[in-house]
């Protein structure tokens, strides 16, 4: 089959790889019909090279049609249309019973000290072949895949794999009081979708970004927008009676702008051998924390910060005195897809209240994946969400 594989820093290739096969009774094989490029895929493209091997198949946002099932998979049959959550969970362990599927005890990557295995996302999360391919082997298929109806095009449902539950959890964790104000930092796919969910709930939403096209896109949806600058914190306070918003979602993560020293450290670590890079990131790694620092600065006293942007540093300096003094609450973590999917599915009807049908900015052939990664990483051509068709 054809797939997108990682071949080195900023080097993605489209080519032939072995077809997947049933390996366990709980496996299924999915013929992929749509697969997305996620903002966190860009971390693999740029920062997390020491945790990848040449030839790793990328991607964790896939949907398609069931082609084959293992003997223990009784809930699916060939021909079923499904969305595949980005994490691999069993649905029956202690953590899954707590609706913490990203901590699944059956698929935890214990040799790395990490949570549940993820599709297409480094040795840290199991090095499981991903969904930017013609076919995908889905472990724990007796629980994971979400069946969706035939008929509507893939754009209606594909975001259940990651974007929708991640944005939904970000808003849930933000714990905005009724009628309150939410600031969303970063208007990429997750930030953009979080603004839509928050506005659907009747909240006041202020979005911050550097990219003019992303600001305009949010503005058209009714979001109050501010361009990121040195005085954006004061502008936010001016819009919120001087005290700041009730809650802030940081949808940016480890590659935020505004930290030249951290950027330099990331670049220099990339010159080291993989083993040394891994050791440095796990013990001394420092993320670019401009977005998180801004969230701490602007959120009101007693407010909540919800982190959905991915961070990976092992020695990130935090202003603990400010966090303590302002009595800030922090919520964070990978999204627990099944925890939220039943609440999200009813919104994916013909009314399309979240605008999923028009959410993607680019629909491209899977063969165009290498160029799409570069375009998305450089924020060119208004790229916010790229869907690939095998």
Foldseek 3Di string as FASTA:
>chain_A
DWAWWDAAALDIAIDDDDDDDDDDLQKWKFQWFKFWDDPVVVCCNHFQVLQDHTGQGAGQQTWGFTCGHGNPQPPHDGGFTWTFAFFAAQCPDPCNVVLNRQQHPVQQLVVLPGGTAGERDGVNRPSARHDLGRMHMHGNNSPGIDTDDPDDDPLLPRCLRAQQLLLVVLLVQQPAPVQFEEEEEDQFSNSVLNLLVCVVSVYQYEYEEQDPLSQVVSVVVPHHYDYDDPCVLVVQCVVVVNFATQGYEYQAEQADPDDVVLVVVSVVLSVDPSVSSVVCQQAPREGPCPSVVSRLSGHGQLHEYEYSHDYRHNDYDDPVVSCVVSVYHYDYDGGSSVVCVVVCVVCSDPVVSSVSVPSFPEEEASNCVSVVSVCVVVCPPVGRMYMYGD
